[in-house]
C-alpha atoms as a PDB file:
ATOM      1  CA  ASN A   1     156.182 135.971  44.684  1.00  0.00           C
ATOM      2  CA  ARG A   2     154.794 132.425  44.965  1.00  0.00           C
ATOM      3  CA  TYR A   3     152.682 132.749  41.843  1.00  0.00           C
ATOM      4  CA  TYR A   4     154.552 134.788  39.231  1.00  0.00           C
ATOM      5  CA  PRO A   5     158.188 135.064  40.289  1.00  0.00           C
ATOM      6  CA  ASP A   6     159.472 136.752  37.116  1.00  0.00           C
ATOM      7  CA  SER A   7     156.898 137.684  34.520  1.00  0.00           C
ATOM      8  CA  VAL A   8     153.518 136.635  33.195  1.00  0.00           C
ATOM      9  CA  ASP A   9     153.457 134.747  29.902  1.00  0.00           C
ATOM     10  CA  GLU A  10     151.874 131.678  28.360  1.00  0.00           C
ATOM     11  CA  ASN A  11     154.411 129.441  30.078  1.00  0.00           C
ATOM     12  CA  LYS A  12     153.033 130.395  33.494  1.00  0.00           C
ATOM     13  CA  ILE A  13     150.007 128.091  33.415  1.00  0.00           C
ATOM     14  CA  GLU A  14     151.276 126.282  36.515  1.00  0.00           C
ATOM     15  CA  SER A  15     151.272 129.590  38.397  1.00  0.00           C
ATOM     16  CA  ALA A  16     147.680 130.210  37.326  1.00  0.00           C
ATOM     17  CA  VAL A  17     146.701 126.739  38.522  1.00  0.00           C
ATOM     18  CA  ARG A  18     148.506 127.379  41.823  1.00  0.00           C
ATOM     19  CA  ILE A  19     146.577 130.637  42.335  1.00  0.00           C
ATOM     20  CA  TYR A  20     143.282 128.907  41.638  1.00  0.00           C
ATOM     21  CA  THR A  21     144.115 125.955  43.902  1.00  0.00           C
ATOM     22  CA  ASP A  22     145.237 128.115  46.802  1.00  0.00           C
ATOM     23  CA  ALA A  23     142.313 130.546  46.494  1.00  0.00           C
ATOM     24  CA  MET A  24     139.609 127.914  46.099  1.00  0.00           C
ATOM     25  CA  PHE A  25     140.941 124.979  48.157  1.00  0.00           C
ATOM     26  CA  SER A  26     144.027 125.629  50.308  1.00  0.00           C
ATOM     27  CA  TYR A  27     143.130 128.976  51.877  1.00  0.00           C
ATOM     28  CA  PRO A  28     139.518 128.074  52.779  1.00  0.00           C
ATOM     29  CA  SER A  29     140.643 124.692  54.155  1.00  0.00           C
ATOM     30  CA  VAL A  30     143.266 126.245  56.412  1.00  0.00           C
ATOM     31  CA  GLN A  31     140.823 128.942  57.474  1.00  0.00           C
ATOM     32  CA  VAL A  32     138.310 126.329  58.677  1.00  0.00           C
ATOM     33  CA  THR A  33     140.909 124.086  60.319  1.00  0.00           C
ATOM     34  CA  ARG A  34     142.172 127.015  62.406  1.00  0.00           C
ATOM     35  CA  TYR A  35     138.813 127.085  64.183  1.00  0.00           C
ATOM     36  CA  PHE A  36     138.905 123.356  64.883  1.00  0.00           C
ATOM     37  CA  ALA A  37     142.669 122.814  65.273  1.00  0.00           C
ATOM     38  CA  ASN A  38     142.234 120.761  68.458  1.00  0.00           C
ATOM     39  CA  LEU A  39     139.902 118.352  66.668  1.00  0.00           C
ATOM     40  CA  THR A  40     141.286 118.322  63.127  1.00  0.00           C
ATOM     41  CA  TYR A  41     143.825 115.965  61.597  1.00  0.00           C
ATOM     42  CA  GLY A  42     145.182 117.847  58.605  1.00  0.00           C
ATOM     43  CA  TYR A  43     147.102 116.488  55.684  1.00  0.00           C
ATOM     44  CA  LEU A  44     148.442 117.432  52.299  1.00  0.00           C
ATOM     45  CA  PHE A  45     148.318 114.547  49.851  1.00  0.00           C
ATOM     46  CA  ALA A  46     151.496 114.942  47.810  1.00  0.00           C
ATOM     47  CA  TYR A  47     152.024 111.358  46.632  1.00  0.00           C
ATOM     48  CA  ASN A  48     152.522 111.543  42.880  1.00  0.00           C
ATOM     49  CA  GLY A  49     151.692 107.936  42.087  1.00  0.00           C
ATOM     50  CA  ALA A  50     150.439 106.396  38.877  1.00  0.00           C
ATOM     51  CA  TRP A  51     146.874 105.811  40.083  1.00  0.00           C
ATOM     52  CA  ALA A  52     145.990 109.481  40.209  1.00  0.00           C
ATOM     53  CA  GLU A  53     147.644 111.236  37.310  1.00  0.00           C
ATOM     54  CA  LEU A  54     146.695 114.789  36.446  1.00  0.00           C
ATOM     55  CA  PRO A  55     144.076 115.247  33.717  1.00  0.00           C
ATOM     56  CA  SER A  56     145.524 115.618  30.219  1.00  0.00           C
ATOM     57  CA  PHE A  57     144.777 119.370  30.145  1.00  0.00           C
ATOM     58  CA  PHE A  58     147.333 119.934  32.908  1.00  0.00           C
ATOM     59  CA  THR A  59     149.990 117.626  31.519  1.00  0.00           C
ATOM     60  CA  ALA A  60     149.670 119.297  28.100  1.00  0.00           C
ATOM     61  CA  TYR A  61     150.908 122.507  29.755  1.00  0.00           C
ATOM     62  CA  LYS A  62     153.554 120.729  31.841  1.00  0.00           C
ATOM     63  CA  VAL A  63     151.737 121.357  35.126  1.00  0.00           C
ATOM     64  CA  THR A  64     153.153 119.124  37.834  1.00  0.00           C
ATOM     65  CA  GLY A  65     151.907 118.043  41.209  1.00  0.00           C
ATOM     66  CA  VAL A  66     148.997 116.115  42.604  1.00  0.00           C
ATOM     67  CA  ALA A  67     145.391 116.908  41.731  1.00  0.00           C
ATOM     68  CA  HIS A  68     142.634 117.710  44.211  1.00  0.00           C
ATOM     69  CA  GLY A  69     140.985 114.429  45.219  1.00  0.00           C
ATOM     70  CA  ALA A  70     143.921 112.233  44.150  1.00  0.00           C
ATOM     71  CA  ASP A  71     143.971 110.622  47.594  1.00  0.00           C
ATOM     72  CA  LEU A  72     140.622 108.986  46.866  1.00  0.00           C
ATOM     73  CA  PHE A  73     142.180 106.742  44.205  1.00  0.00           C
ATOM     74  CA  TYR A  74     144.293 105.169  46.956  1.00  0.00           C
ATOM     75  CA  LEU A  75     141.471 104.960  49.451  1.00  0.00           C
ATOM     76  CA  LEU A  76     138.738 103.713  47.123  1.00  0.00           C
ATOM     77  CA  TYR A  77     140.637 101.626  44.587  1.00  0.00           C
ATOM     78  CA  THR A  78     138.232 100.564  41.848  1.00  0.00           C
ATOM     79  CA  ASN A  79     138.529  98.788  38.524  1.00  0.00           C
ATOM     80  CA  GLY A  80     136.912 101.709  36.734  1.00  0.00           C
ATOM     81  CA  SER A  81     139.247 104.437  37.935  1.00  0.00           C
ATOM     82  CA  SER A  82     142.543 103.428  39.470  1.00  0.00           C
ATOM     83  CA  GLN A  83     143.554 100.520  37.278  1.00  0.00           C
ATOM     84  CA  TYR A  84     143.161 102.166  33.890  1.00  0.00           C
ATOM     85  CA  VAL A  85     145.585 104.901  34.855  1.00  0.00           C
ATOM     86  CA  ASP A  86     148.131 102.308  35.941  1.00  0.00           C
ATOM     87  CA  THR A  87     147.633 100.000  32.916  1.00  0.00           C
ATOM     88  CA  CYS A  88     146.188  97.344  35.239  1.00  0.00           C
ATOM     89  CA  THR A  89     149.487  96.717  37.010  1.00  0.00           C
ATOM     90  CA  PRO A  90     149.228  97.101  40.788  1.00  0.00           C
ATOM     91  CA  ASN A  91     152.857  98.061  41.459  1.00  0.00           C
ATOM     92  CA  LEU A  92     154.319  97.868  44.958  1.00  0.00           C
ATOM     93  CA  PRO A  93     154.538 101.621  45.794  1.00  0.00           C
ATOM     94  CA  ASN A  94     150.891 102.143  44.861  1.00  0.00           C
ATOM     95  CA  LEU A  95     149.798  99.096  46.868  1.00  0.00           C
ATOM     96  CA  GLN A  96     151.779 100.318  49.898  1.00  0.00           C
ATOM     97  CA  MET A  97     150.195 103.764  49.594  1.00  0.00           C
ATOM     98  CA  MET A  98     146.742 102.195  49.301  1.00  0.00           C
ATOM     99  CA  ASP A  99     147.336  99.997  52.368  1.00  0.00           C
ATOM    100  CA  GLN A 100     148.490 102.981  54.429  1.00  0.00           C
ATOM    101  CA  MET A 101     145.549 105.176  53.380  1.00  0.00           C
ATOM    102  CA  VAL A 102     143.066 102.414  54.224  1.00  0.00           C
ATOM    103  CA  LYS A 103     144.747 101.898  57.637  1.00  0.00           C
ATOM    104  CA  TRP A 104     144.525 105.617  58.481  1.00  0.00           C
ATOM    105  CA  TRP A 105     140.903 105.982  57.438  1.00  0.00           C
ATOM    106  CA  THR A 106     139.849 102.700  59.096  1.00  0.00           C
ATOM    107  CA  SER A 107     141.534 103.758  62.336  1.00  0.00           C
ATOM    108  CA  PHE A 108     139.799 107.135  62.131  1.00  0.00           C
ATOM    109  CA  ALA A 109     136.413 105.482  61.532  1.00  0.00           C
ATOM    110  CA  LYS A 110     136.890 103.161  64.535  1.00  0.00           C
ATOM    111  CA  SER A 111     138.495 105.495  67.066  1.00  0.00           C
ATOM    112  CA  GLY A 112     138.336 109.067  65.765  1.00  0.00           C
ATOM    113  CA  VAL A 113     142.154 109.077  65.482  1.00  0.00           C
ATOM    114  CA  PRO A 114     143.803 108.200  62.145  1.00  0.00           C
ATOM    115  CA  GLY A 115     146.956 106.710  63.664  1.00  0.00           C
ATOM    116  CA  LEU A 116     149.325 106.770  66.607  1.00  0.00           C
ATOM    117  CA  SER A 117     151.849 109.078  64.937  1.00  0.00           C
ATOM    118  CA  TRP A 118     149.243 111.430  63.449  1.00  0.00           C
ATOM    119  CA  LYS A 119     148.612 114.394  65.737  1.00  0.00           C
ATOM    120  CA  THR A 120     145.920 117.045  65.555  1.00  0.00           C
ATOM    121  CA  ILE A 121     146.867 120.310  63.881  1.00  0.00           C
ATOM    122  CA  SER A 122     147.240 122.050  67.239  1.00  0.00           C
ATOM    123  CA  GLU A 123     149.574 119.284  68.498  1.00  0.00           C
ATOM    124  CA  GLY A 124     151.720 118.564  65.485  1.00  0.00           C
ATOM    125  CA  GLY A 125     150.766 120.427  62.345  1.00  0.00           C
ATOM    126  CA  TYR A 126     149.948 118.767  59.057  1.00  0.00           C
ATOM    127  CA  LEU A 127     150.878 115.342  57.782  1.00  0.00           C
ATOM    128  CA  ILE A 128     152.535 115.499  54.366  1.00  0.00           C
ATOM    129  CA  ILE A 129     151.543 112.275  52.634  1.00  0.00           C
ATOM    130  CA  ASP A 130     154.174 111.927  49.936  1.00  0.00           C
ATOM    131  CA  GLY A 131     154.570 108.171  50.319  1.00  0.00           C
ATOM    132  CA  PRO A 132     153.693 105.331  52.682  1.00  0.00           C
ATOM    133  CA  GLU A 133     156.046 106.904  55.255  1.00  0.00           C
ATOM    134  CA  PRO A 134     154.788 110.502  55.504  1.00  0.00           C
ATOM    135  CA  SER A 135     156.524 113.509  56.992  1.00  0.00           C
ATOM    136  CA  ASN A 136     155.213 116.347  59.152  1.00  0.00           C
ATOM    137  CA  MET A 137     155.073 120.061  58.471  1.00  0.00           C
ATOM    138  CA  ASN A 138     154.507 122.389  61.377  1.00  0.00           C
ATOM    139  CA  THR A 139     151.465 124.623  61.257  1.00  0.00           C
ATOM    140  CA  THR A 140     153.437 127.853  60.826  1.00  0.00           C
ATOM    141  CA  GLU A 141     155.373 126.522  57.838  1.00  0.00           C
ATOM    142  CA  PHE A 142     152.237 125.066  56.243  1.00  0.00           C
ATOM    143  CA  GLU A 143     150.265 128.278  56.699  1.00  0.00           C
ATOM    144  CA  SER A 144     153.100 130.421  55.335  1.00  0.00           C
ATOM    145  CA  GLN A 145     152.875 128.423  52.100  1.00  0.00           C
ATOM    146  CA  PHE A 146     149.116 128.107  51.686  1.00  0.00           C
ATOM    147  CA  TYR A 147     147.415 130.704  53.879  1.00  0.00           C
ATOM    148  CA  ASP A 148     149.310 133.881  54.697  1.00  0.00           C
ATOM    149  CA  PHE A 149     149.196 135.481  51.237  1.00  0.00           C
ATOM    150  CA  TRP A 150     145.395 135.187  51.058  1.00  0.00           C
ATOM    151  CA  ALA A 151     144.866 136.100  54.717  1.00  0.00           C
ATOM    152  CA  ASN A 152     146.778 139.334  54.175  1.00  0.00           C
ATOM    153  CA  MET A 153     144.721 140.414  51.158  1.00  0.00           C
ATOM    154  CA  LYS A 154     142.841 143.580  51.948  1.00  0.00           C
ATOM    155  CA  PRO A 155     139.197 143.406  50.862  1.00  0.00           C
ATOM    156  CA  GLN A 156     138.266 146.192  48.434  1.00  0.00           C
ATOM    157  CA  ALA A 157     134.957 147.272  49.964  1.00  0.00           C
ATOM    158  CA  GLY A 158     135.935 147.138  53.615  1.00  0.00           C
ATOM    159  CA  ASN A 159     136.908 144.514  56.106  1.00  0.00           C
ATOM    160  CA  SER A 160     134.243 141.889  55.512  1.00  0.00           C
ATOM    161  CA  ALA A 161     134.072 138.252  54.477  1.00  0.00           C
ATOM    162  CA  GLU A 162     131.672 139.160  51.670  1.00  0.00           C
ATOM    163  CA  SER A 163     134.158 141.487  49.998  1.00  0.00           C
ATOM    164  CA  LEU A 164     136.958 138.910  50.286  1.00  0.00           C
ATOM    165  CA  SER A 165     134.651 136.309  48.718  1.00  0.00           C
ATOM    166  CA  LEU A 166     133.890 138.785  45.958  1.00  0.00           C
ATOM    167  CA  ASN A 167     137.626 139.359  45.400  1.00  0.00           C
ATOM    168  CA  LEU A 168     138.183 135.588  45.140  1.00  0.00           C
ATOM    169  CA  PHE A 169     135.271 135.348  42.706  1.00  0.00           C
ATOM    170  CA  PHE A 170     136.843 137.996  40.466  1.00  0.00           C
ATOM    171  CA  ILE A 171     140.212 136.230  40.674  1.00  0.00           C
ATOM    172  CA  LYS A 172     138.513 133.025  39.528  1.00  0.00           C
ATOM    173  CA  VAL A 173     136.743 134.782  36.635  1.00  0.00           C
ATOM    174  CA  ALA A 174     139.954 136.538  35.582  1.00  0.00           C
ATOM    175  CA  LEU A 175     141.950 133.295  35.626  1.00  0.00           C
ATOM    176  CA  LEU A 176     139.343 131.431  33.619  1.00  0.00           C
ATOM    177  CA  SER A 177     139.239 134.275  31.116  1.00  0.00           C
ATOM    178  CA  VAL A 178     143.029 134.294  30.750  1.00  0.00           C
ATOM    179  CA  LEU A 179     143.094 130.523  30.330  1.00  0.00           C
ATOM    180  CA  HIS A 180     140.302 130.615  27.776  1.00  0.00           C
ATOM    181  CA  HIS A 181     141.770 133.399  25.641  1.00  0.00           C
ATOM    182  CA  SER A 182     145.444 132.502  25.978  1.00  0.00           C
ATOM    183  CA  PHE A 183     145.235 128.755  25.609  1.00  0.00           C
ATOM    184  CA  ASN A 184     142.030 128.279  23.587  1.00  0.00           C
ATOM    185  CA  ILE A 185     140.397 125.952  26.107  1.00  0.00           C
END
């Protein structure tokens, strides 16, 4: 199981975060992009640079990975956000990542296409931005990681979007309750 491979205990906070992230961000994003796959340029920002560290709550529980919205620190570099995390030292990998992000978004703003090597989801899958030279992940592989589990959930009250939304709501409430009671947050 992607979320709790062995057992559930207080050391599984990363699994709880993964459930929340996939239920609230990944699954809905993939669901929408499937409808617009010919027009959508999808990406997963996986660059774990110093300008977008995880909030201290996550690092206290040894949660790893890249936070939602971390790409914005490389696109909209500001004195008030990016520099303080990097102790005011613009190191080369972060500058290269920033330059690449700005190139992609500028190209997209000018032409509607983020770059020559970046294909739409229907043509080439998702771009995995884990550094200035990203890799690709085909749509099937991406969806098997972030979509299939949630797509195969059977709604409790019938086959409707409302009941699936209700299930996701209860998952969110349950996770927040577990986090609150188990970790005193």
